[in-house]
Amino acid sequence: MAELFVERQVTAAADRTFSVLCDIDGAPAYQPAIVRVEMLTPGLFGVGTRWRETRRAMGSHATVELVVTAFEPGQMYRVEAMMGRTRYITDVRVKPLDAATCAASFAVRAEAPTLLGRLAARLMMPAMKRAMRDDLATVAKAAERK
């Protein structure tokens, strides 16, 4: 199993930052790496929310379907996606530091059934870590702007 963790301090209240992280449909407006989002389920964000996301990745576009499998309002949600035969599980968390700042984080683990899949997931982790740092930076800018 391959794992990574990235965290960033955000100069915005935790609830504001969490709201930005949950605004999947609006992400292309502030996330340059996201080309398109197609919501597959109607209604409020929570367990069962599904969407298809197309991102710029390593010089091309990659589309993946994601689903929320855990949700604690204002604190965290878990997203799962399959890429090939590898399951990627991402915990998105926001932790208040004080009334006006918080820490936002992504913790990702990749579960692959084969040795080749596990090796491929490990090789992808450095690029994923850079992308997640960039994502957190743009989330921070969006949260701090409003």
N, C-alpha and C. Protein backbone atom coordinates (compact mmCIF):
# COMPACT_ATOMS: atom_id res chain seq x y z
N MET A 1 0.85 -1.18 0.00
CA MET A 1 0.00 0.00 0.00
C MET A 1 0.89 1.24 0.00
N ALA A 2 0.58 2.18 -0.86
CA ALA A 2 1.30 3.44 -0.94
C ALA A 2 0.46 4.51 -0.25
N GLU A 3 1.13 5.40 0.47
CA GLU A 3 0.42 6.44 1.21
C GLU A 3 1.15 7.78 1.08
N LEU A 4 0.38 8.86 1.21
CA LEU A 4 0.99 10.18 1.30
C LEU A 4 0.08 11.10 2.11
N PHE A 5 0.68 12.17 2.62
CA PHE A 5 -0.04 13.14 3.44
C PHE A 5 0.48 14.52 3.10
N VAL A 6 -0.43 15.46 2.86
CA VAL A 6 -0.06 16.86 2.67
C VAL A 6 -0.99 17.72 3.52
N GLU A 7 -0.44 18.79 4.07
CA GLU A 7 -1.22 19.68 4.94
C GLU A 7 -0.77 21.11 4.67
N ARG A 8 -1.71 22.04 4.87
CA ARG A 8 -1.41 23.45 4.67
C ARG A 8 -2.24 24.28 5.65
N GLN A 9 -1.61 25.30 6.19
CA GLN A 9 -2.35 26.24 7.03
C GLN A 9 -3.08 27.22 6.12
N VAL A 10 -4.32 27.51 6.48
CA VAL A 10 -5.17 28.41 5.70
C VAL A 10 -5.61 29.56 6.60
N THR A 11 -5.46 30.78 6.11
CA THR A 11 -5.88 31.95 6.87
C THR A 11 -7.34 32.24 6.56
N ALA A 12 -8.17 31.31 6.99
CA ALA A 12 -9.63 31.42 6.85
C ALA A 12 -10.23 30.47 7.89
N ALA A 13 -11.43 30.76 8.28
CA ALA A 13 -12.11 29.90 9.26
C ALA A 13 -12.28 28.49 8.70
N ALA A 14 -12.30 27.53 9.58
CA ALA A 14 -12.42 26.12 9.18
C ALA A 14 -13.70 25.87 8.39
N ASP A 15 -14.81 26.46 8.82
CA ASP A 15 -16.07 26.21 8.11
C ASP A 15 -16.03 26.78 6.69
N ARG A 16 -15.39 27.93 6.51
CA ARG A 16 -15.25 28.52 5.17
C ARG A 16 -14.38 27.61 4.29
N THR A 17 -13.27 27.15 4.84
CA THR A 17 -12.36 26.29 4.09
C THR A 17 -13.04 24.97 3.72
N PHE A 18 -13.78 24.40 4.66
CA PHE A 18 -14.49 23.15 4.39
C PHE A 18 -15.52 23.35 3.30
N SER A 19 -16.19 24.48 3.30
CA SER A 19 -17.17 24.80 2.27
C SER A 19 -16.52 24.83 0.89
N VAL A 20 -15.35 25.43 0.79
CA VAL A 20 -14.63 25.48 -0.48
C VAL A 20 -14.26 24.06 -0.92
N LEU A 21 -13.78 23.25 0.01
CA LEU A 21 -13.39 21.87 -0.32
C LEU A 21 -14.58 21.02 -0.78
N CYS A 22 -15.77 21.36 -0.31
CA CYS A 22 -16.98 20.61 -0.69
C CYS A 22 -17.63 21.13 -1.96
N ASP A 23 -17.17 22.27 -2.47
CA ASP A 23 -17.77 22.86 -3.67
C ASP A 23 -17.16 22.21 -4.91
N ILE A 24 -17.48 20.96 -5.13
CA ILE A 24 -16.91 20.19 -6.23
C ILE A 24 -17.29 20.80 -7.57
N ASP A 25 -18.53 21.15 -7.73
CA ASP A 25 -19.01 21.70 -8.99
C ASP A 25 -18.32 23.02 -9.34
N GLY A 26 -17.93 23.80 -8.33
CA GLY A 26 -17.27 25.08 -8.57
C GLY A 26 -15.76 25.01 -8.66
N ALA A 27 -15.19 23.83 -8.42
CA ALA A 27 -13.73 23.68 -8.38
C ALA A 27 -13.01 24.13 -9.66
N PRO A 28 -13.55 23.87 -10.86
CA PRO A 28 -12.81 24.32 -12.05
C PRO A 28 -12.56 25.83 -12.09
N ALA A 29 -13.36 26.61 -11.39
CA ALA A 29 -13.19 28.07 -11.39
C ALA A 29 -11.92 28.51 -10.66
N TYR A 30 -11.47 27.72 -9.68
CA TYR A 30 -10.27 28.13 -8.93
C TYR A 30 -9.17 27.07 -8.93
N GLN A 31 -9.43 25.89 -9.46
CA GLN A 31 -8.42 24.83 -9.52
C GLN A 31 -7.95 24.70 -10.97
N PRO A 32 -6.81 25.27 -11.34
CA PRO A 32 -6.36 25.22 -12.73
C PRO A 32 -6.17 23.79 -13.26
N ALA A 33 -5.88 22.84 -12.40
CA ALA A 33 -5.65 21.46 -12.86
C ALA A 33 -6.94 20.76 -13.25
N ILE A 34 -8.07 21.25 -12.75
CA ILE A 34 -9.35 20.61 -13.05
C ILE A 34 -9.95 21.24 -14.31
N VAL A 35 -10.10 20.42 -15.33
CA VAL A 35 -10.62 20.86 -16.61
C VAL A 35 -12.14 20.87 -16.61
N ARG A 36 -12.74 19.82 -16.03
CA ARG A 36 -14.19 19.69 -16.05
C ARG A 36 -14.67 18.82 -14.90
N VAL A 37 -15.85 19.15 -14.37
CA VAL A 37 -16.52 18.34 -13.36
C VAL A 37 -17.93 18.06 -13.87
N GLU A 38 -18.32 16.82 -13.79
CA GLU A 38 -19.69 16.43 -14.13
C GLU A 38 -20.30 15.78 -12.89
N MET A 39 -21.24 16.46 -12.27
CA MET A 39 -21.90 15.90 -11.10
C MET A 39 -22.81 14.77 -11.55
N LEU A 40 -22.72 13.63 -10.87
CA LEU A 40 -23.51 12.45 -11.23
C LEU A 40 -24.68 12.22 -10.28
N THR A 41 -24.66 12.91 -9.15
CA THR A 41 -25.76 12.80 -8.19
C THR A 41 -26.26 14.20 -7.86
N PRO A 42 -27.58 14.37 -7.71
CA PRO A 42 -28.12 15.67 -7.34
C PRO A 42 -28.09 15.83 -5.81
N GLY A 43 -28.33 17.04 -5.38
CA GLY A 43 -28.52 17.28 -3.96
C GLY A 43 -27.28 17.74 -3.23
N LEU A 44 -27.41 17.73 -1.91
CA LEU A 44 -26.34 18.21 -1.03
C LEU A 44 -25.15 17.27 -1.03
N PHE A 45 -23.98 17.85 -0.79
CA PHE A 45 -22.73 17.08 -0.71
C PHE A 45 -22.75 16.22 0.55
N GLY A 46 -22.42 14.95 0.40
CA GLY A 46 -22.36 14.03 1.53
C GLY A 46 -22.11 12.62 1.05
N VAL A 47 -22.28 11.65 1.94
CA VAL A 47 -22.07 10.25 1.58
C VAL A 47 -22.94 9.92 0.36
N GLY A 48 -22.32 9.31 -0.63
CA GLY A 48 -23.02 8.95 -1.85
C GLY A 48 -22.86 9.94 -2.99
N THR A 49 -22.38 11.15 -2.71
CA THR A 49 -22.15 12.12 -3.78
C THR A 49 -21.12 11.55 -4.75
N ARG A 50 -21.47 11.59 -6.04
CA ARG A 50 -20.59 11.08 -7.09
C ARG A 50 -20.37 12.16 -8.15
N TRP A 51 -19.16 12.17 -8.68
CA TRP A 51 -18.88 13.07 -9.80
C TRP A 51 -17.75 12.49 -10.65
N ARG A 52 -17.69 12.97 -11.87
CA ARG A 52 -16.63 12.62 -12.79
C ARG A 52 -15.78 13.88 -12.95
N GLU A 53 -14.48 13.72 -12.77
CA GLU A 53 -13.55 14.86 -12.79
C GLU A 53 -12.48 14.62 -13.84
N THR A 54 -12.27 15.61 -14.67
CA THR A 54 -11.19 15.55 -15.66
C THR A 54 -10.12 16.55 -15.25
N ARG A 55 -8.87 16.05 -15.14
CA ARG A 55 -7.74 16.87 -14.72
C ARG A 55 -6.64 16.82 -15.74
N ARG A 56 -5.84 17.88 -15.73
CA ARG A 56 -4.58 17.85 -16.45
C ARG A 56 -3.62 17.04 -15.59
N ALA A 57 -3.02 16.04 -16.18
CA ALA A 57 -2.09 15.20 -15.42
C ALA A 57 -0.97 14.73 -16.33
N MET A 58 0.24 15.08 -15.97
CA MET A 58 1.44 14.63 -16.67
C MET A 58 1.33 14.84 -18.19
N GLY A 59 0.92 16.03 -18.58
CA GLY A 59 0.90 16.39 -19.99
C GLY A 59 -0.32 15.95 -20.76
N SER A 60 -1.28 15.32 -20.11
CA SER A 60 -2.50 14.93 -20.81
C SER A 60 -3.69 15.13 -19.87
N HIS A 61 -4.84 14.62 -20.26
CA HIS A 61 -6.03 14.71 -19.42
C HIS A 61 -6.38 13.33 -18.90
N ALA A 62 -6.79 13.27 -17.64
CA ALA A 62 -7.23 12.01 -17.03
C ALA A 62 -8.59 12.25 -16.40
N THR A 63 -9.53 11.34 -16.67
CA THR A 63 -10.87 11.44 -16.10
C THR A 63 -11.07 10.28 -15.15
N VAL A 64 -11.63 10.60 -13.98
CA VAL A 64 -11.88 9.58 -12.96
C VAL A 64 -13.23 9.86 -12.32
N GLU A 65 -13.91 8.80 -11.92
CA GLU A 65 -15.17 8.94 -11.19
C GLU A 65 -14.88 8.79 -9.70
N LEU A 66 -15.42 9.72 -8.91
CA LEU A 66 -15.18 9.73 -7.47
C LEU A 66 -16.50 9.62 -6.71
N VAL A 67 -16.43 9.07 -5.51
CA VAL A 67 -17.61 8.95 -4.65
C VAL A 67 -17.22 9.26 -3.21
N VAL A 68 -18.09 9.98 -2.52
CA VAL A 68 -17.88 10.27 -1.09
C VAL A 68 -18.39 9.06 -0.30
N THR A 69 -17.51 8.49 0.53
CA THR A 69 -17.88 7.30 1.30
C THR A 69 -17.94 7.56 2.81
N ALA A 70 -17.51 8.72 3.25
CA ALA A 70 -17.64 9.12 4.66
C ALA A 70 -17.74 10.64 4.69
N PHE A 71 -18.49 11.15 5.66
CA PHE A 71 -18.69 12.60 5.72
C PHE A 71 -19.00 13.00 7.15
N GLU A 72 -18.21 13.93 7.68
CA GLU A 72 -18.46 14.55 8.98
C GLU A 72 -18.52 16.05 8.72
N PRO A 73 -19.73 16.63 8.75
CA PRO A 73 -19.89 18.04 8.38
C PRO A 73 -18.89 18.96 9.09
N GLY A 74 -18.25 19.80 8.29
CA GLY A 74 -17.32 20.78 8.83
C GLY A 74 -15.96 20.24 9.20
N GLN A 75 -15.77 18.91 9.12
CA GLN A 75 -14.51 18.32 9.58
C GLN A 75 -13.77 17.50 8.54
N MET A 76 -14.48 16.54 7.91
CA MET A 76 -13.79 15.66 6.96
C MET A 76 -14.76 14.99 6.02
N TYR A 77 -14.19 14.54 4.91
CA TYR A 77 -14.90 13.60 4.04
C TYR A 77 -13.88 12.68 3.40
N ARG A 78 -14.35 11.51 3.03
CA ARG A 78 -13.50 10.51 2.35
C ARG A 78 -14.03 10.33 0.94
N VAL A 79 -13.10 10.32 0.01
CA VAL A 79 -13.41 10.12 -1.40
C VAL A 79 -12.68 8.88 -1.88
N GLU A 80 -13.38 8.06 -2.65
CA GLU A 80 -12.76 6.87 -3.22
C GLU A 80 -12.89 6.90 -4.73
N ALA A 81 -11.85 6.39 -5.39
CA ALA A 81 -11.83 6.33 -6.86
C ALA A 81 -11.03 5.12 -7.29
N MET A 82 -11.42 4.54 -8.41
CA MET A 82 -10.67 3.45 -9.02
C MET A 82 -9.94 3.99 -10.25
N MET A 83 -8.65 3.69 -10.33
CA MET A 83 -7.87 3.98 -11.52
C MET A 83 -7.22 2.67 -11.91
N GLY A 84 -7.70 2.12 -13.00
CA GLY A 84 -7.29 0.76 -13.34
C GLY A 84 -7.83 -0.17 -12.27
N ARG A 85 -6.98 -1.00 -11.72
CA ARG A 85 -7.39 -1.91 -10.64
C ARG A 85 -6.97 -1.39 -9.27
N THR A 86 -6.50 -0.15 -9.21
CA THR A 86 -6.04 0.43 -7.95
C THR A 86 -7.12 1.35 -7.38
N ARG A 87 -7.42 1.14 -6.10
CA ARG A 87 -8.38 1.99 -5.38
C ARG A 87 -7.60 3.06 -4.64
N TYR A 88 -7.97 4.32 -4.88
CA TYR A 88 -7.38 5.46 -4.19
C TYR A 88 -8.40 5.97 -3.18
N ILE A 89 -7.98 6.09 -1.94
CA ILE A 89 -8.84 6.54 -0.86
C ILE A 89 -8.21 7.80 -0.28
N THR A 90 -8.97 8.89 -0.31
CA THR A 90 -8.45 10.18 0.14
C THR A 90 -9.32 10.72 1.26
N ASP A 91 -8.70 11.03 2.39
CA ASP A 91 -9.38 11.71 3.49
C ASP A 91 -9.04 13.19 3.39
N VAL A 92 -10.07 14.01 3.28
CA VAL A 92 -9.95 15.46 3.21
C VAL A 92 -10.38 15.99 4.58
N ARG A 93 -9.49 16.69 5.27
CA ARG A 93 -9.79 17.15 6.63
C ARG A 93 -9.51 18.64 6.79
N VAL A 94 -10.29 19.24 7.68
CA VAL A 94 -10.07 20.62 8.09
C VAL A 94 -10.10 20.63 9.61
N LYS A 95 -9.07 21.25 10.19
CA LYS A 95 -8.97 21.33 11.65
C LYS A 95 -8.77 22.79 12.04
N PRO A 96 -9.69 23.35 12.86
CA PRO A 96 -9.51 24.74 13.28
C PRO A 96 -8.25 24.90 14.12
N LEU A 97 -7.53 25.99 13.88
CA LEU A 97 -6.37 26.32 14.71
C LEU A 97 -6.74 27.45 15.67
N ASP A 98 -7.56 28.37 15.19
CA ASP A 98 -8.18 29.40 16.02
C ASP A 98 -9.39 29.89 15.22
N ALA A 99 -9.99 30.98 15.60
CA ALA A 99 -11.22 31.43 14.93
C ALA A 99 -11.00 31.81 13.47
N ALA A 100 -9.77 32.20 13.11
CA ALA A 100 -9.52 32.72 11.77
C ALA A 100 -8.55 31.88 10.94
N THR A 101 -8.05 30.78 11.47
CA THR A 101 -7.14 29.93 10.71
C THR A 101 -7.46 28.46 10.94
N CYS A 102 -7.03 27.66 9.98
CA CYS A 102 -7.24 26.22 10.09
C CYS A 102 -6.12 25.50 9.36
N ALA A 103 -6.08 24.20 9.54
CA ALA A 103 -5.18 23.34 8.78
C ALA A 103 -6.05 22.47 7.89
N ALA A 104 -5.75 22.46 6.60
CA ALA A 104 -6.45 21.60 5.64
C ALA A 104 -5.47 20.53 5.20
N SER A 105 -5.97 19.29 5.06
CA SER A 105 -5.06 18.21 4.69
C SER A 105 -5.73 17.18 3.79
N PHE A 106 -4.87 16.49 3.05
CA PHE A 106 -5.25 15.34 2.25
C PHE A 106 -4.37 14.17 2.70
N ALA A 107 -4.98 13.05 3.00
CA ALA A 107 -4.26 11.81 3.29
C ALA A 107 -4.75 10.79 2.27
N VAL A 108 -3.83 10.27 1.48
CA VAL A 108 -4.19 9.35 0.39
C VAL A 108 -3.51 8.01 0.61
N ARG A 109 -4.27 6.97 0.33
CA ARG A 109 -3.65 5.64 0.28
C ARG A 109 -4.14 4.94 -0.98
N ALA A 110 -3.24 4.18 -1.55
CA ALA A 110 -3.53 3.43 -2.77
C ALA A 110 -3.48 1.95 -2.45
N GLU A 111 -4.55 1.24 -2.81
CA GLU A 111 -4.63 -0.20 -2.57
C GLU A 111 -4.73 -0.90 -3.91
N ALA A 112 -3.71 -1.70 -4.22
CA ALA A 112 -3.67 -2.42 -5.49
C ALA A 112 -3.56 -3.92 -5.21
N PRO A 113 -4.28 -4.75 -5.99
CA PRO A 113 -4.27 -6.18 -5.73
C PRO A 113 -3.03 -6.92 -6.24
N THR A 114 -2.24 -6.26 -7.11
CA THR A 114 -1.07 -6.94 -7.68
C THR A 114 0.22 -6.20 -7.33
N LEU A 115 1.32 -6.91 -7.41
CA LEU A 115 2.62 -6.30 -7.16
C LEU A 115 2.88 -5.18 -8.16
N LEU A 116 2.57 -5.41 -9.43
CA LEU A 116 2.77 -4.39 -10.45
C LEU A 116 1.93 -3.14 -10.14
N GLY A 117 0.69 -3.34 -9.71
CA GLY A 117 -0.17 -2.22 -9.34
C GLY A 117 0.38 -1.45 -8.16
N ARG A 118 0.90 -2.17 -7.17
CA ARG A 118 1.47 -1.49 -6.00
C ARG A 118 2.71 -0.69 -6.38
N LEU A 119 3.53 -1.23 -7.27
CA LEU A 119 4.72 -0.50 -7.73
C LEU A 119 4.32 0.74 -8.52
N ALA A 120 3.33 0.59 -9.39
CA ALA A 120 2.86 1.73 -10.18
C ALA A 120 2.31 2.83 -9.27
N ALA A 121 1.54 2.44 -8.25
CA ALA A 121 1.00 3.43 -7.31
C ALA A 121 2.12 4.16 -6.59
N ARG A 122 3.14 3.43 -6.17
CA ARG A 122 4.28 4.08 -5.49
C ARG A 122 4.99 5.06 -6.42
N LEU A 123 5.13 4.68 -7.68
CA LEU A 123 5.79 5.57 -8.64
C LEU A 123 4.97 6.84 -8.90
N MET A 124 3.66 6.76 -8.77
CA MET A 124 2.79 7.93 -9.00
C MET A 124 2.76 8.88 -7.80
N MET A 125 3.13 8.41 -6.63
CA MET A 125 2.98 9.22 -5.41
C MET A 125 3.70 10.56 -5.45
N PRO A 126 4.94 10.67 -5.94
CA PRO A 126 5.56 12.00 -5.97
C PRO A 126 4.78 13.01 -6.81
N ALA A 127 4.28 12.59 -7.97
CA ALA A 127 3.48 13.49 -8.81
C ALA A 127 2.16 13.83 -8.12
N MET A 128 1.56 12.84 -7.47
CA MET A 128 0.31 13.09 -6.75
C MET A 128 0.53 14.07 -5.60
N LYS A 129 1.66 13.93 -4.91
CA LYS A 129 1.95 14.83 -3.79
C LYS A 129 2.07 16.27 -4.28
N ARG A 130 2.78 16.47 -5.39
CA ARG A 130 2.89 17.82 -5.96
C ARG A 130 1.52 18.37 -6.34
N ALA A 131 0.70 17.54 -6.97
CA ALA A 131 -0.64 17.97 -7.38
C ALA A 131 -1.49 18.33 -6.17
N MET A 132 -1.39 17.56 -5.10
CA MET A 132 -2.19 17.83 -3.91
C MET A 132 -1.71 19.08 -3.19
N ARG A 133 -0.41 19.32 -3.19
CA ARG A 133 0.09 20.59 -2.63
C ARG A 133 -0.46 21.77 -3.43
N ASP A 134 -0.45 21.64 -4.76
CA ASP A 134 -1.01 22.70 -5.60
C ASP A 134 -2.50 22.88 -5.33
N ASP A 135 -3.22 21.76 -5.19
CA ASP A 135 -4.66 21.83 -4.90
C ASP A 135 -4.91 22.56 -3.58
N LEU A 136 -4.14 22.22 -2.55
CA LEU A 136 -4.33 22.89 -1.25
C LEU A 136 -4.01 24.37 -1.34
N ALA A 137 -3.01 24.73 -2.13
CA ALA A 137 -2.67 26.14 -2.30
C ALA A 137 -3.82 26.91 -2.94
N THR A 138 -4.45 26.32 -3.95
CA THR A 138 -5.56 27.02 -4.60
C THR A 138 -6.81 27.02 -3.73
N VAL A 139 -7.02 25.98 -2.95
CA VAL A 139 -8.13 25.96 -1.97
C VAL A 139 -7.91 27.09 -0.96
N ALA A 140 -6.69 27.21 -0.47
CA ALA A 140 -6.37 28.26 0.51
C ALA A 140 -6.66 29.65 -0.08
N LYS A 141 -6.22 29.88 -1.31
CA LYS A 141 -6.48 31.18 -1.95
C LYS A 141 -7.97 31.45 -2.08
N ALA A 142 -8.73 30.43 -2.48
CA ALA A 142 -10.19 30.61 -2.64
C ALA A 142 -10.84 30.88 -1.29
N ALA A 143 -10.46 30.16 -0.26
CA ALA A 143 -11.04 30.35 1.07
C ALA A 143 -10.65 31.71 1.65
N GLU A 144 -9.43 32.12 1.44
CA GLU A 144 -8.93 33.38 2.00
C GLU A 144 -9.51 34.59 1.27
N ARG A 145 -9.91 34.42 0.02
CA ARG A 145 -10.48 35.51 -0.78
C ARG A 145 -11.86 35.91 -0.30
N LYS A 146 -12.62 34.96 0.19
CA LYS A 146 -14.04 35.24 0.48
C LYS A 146 -14.29 35.62 1.90
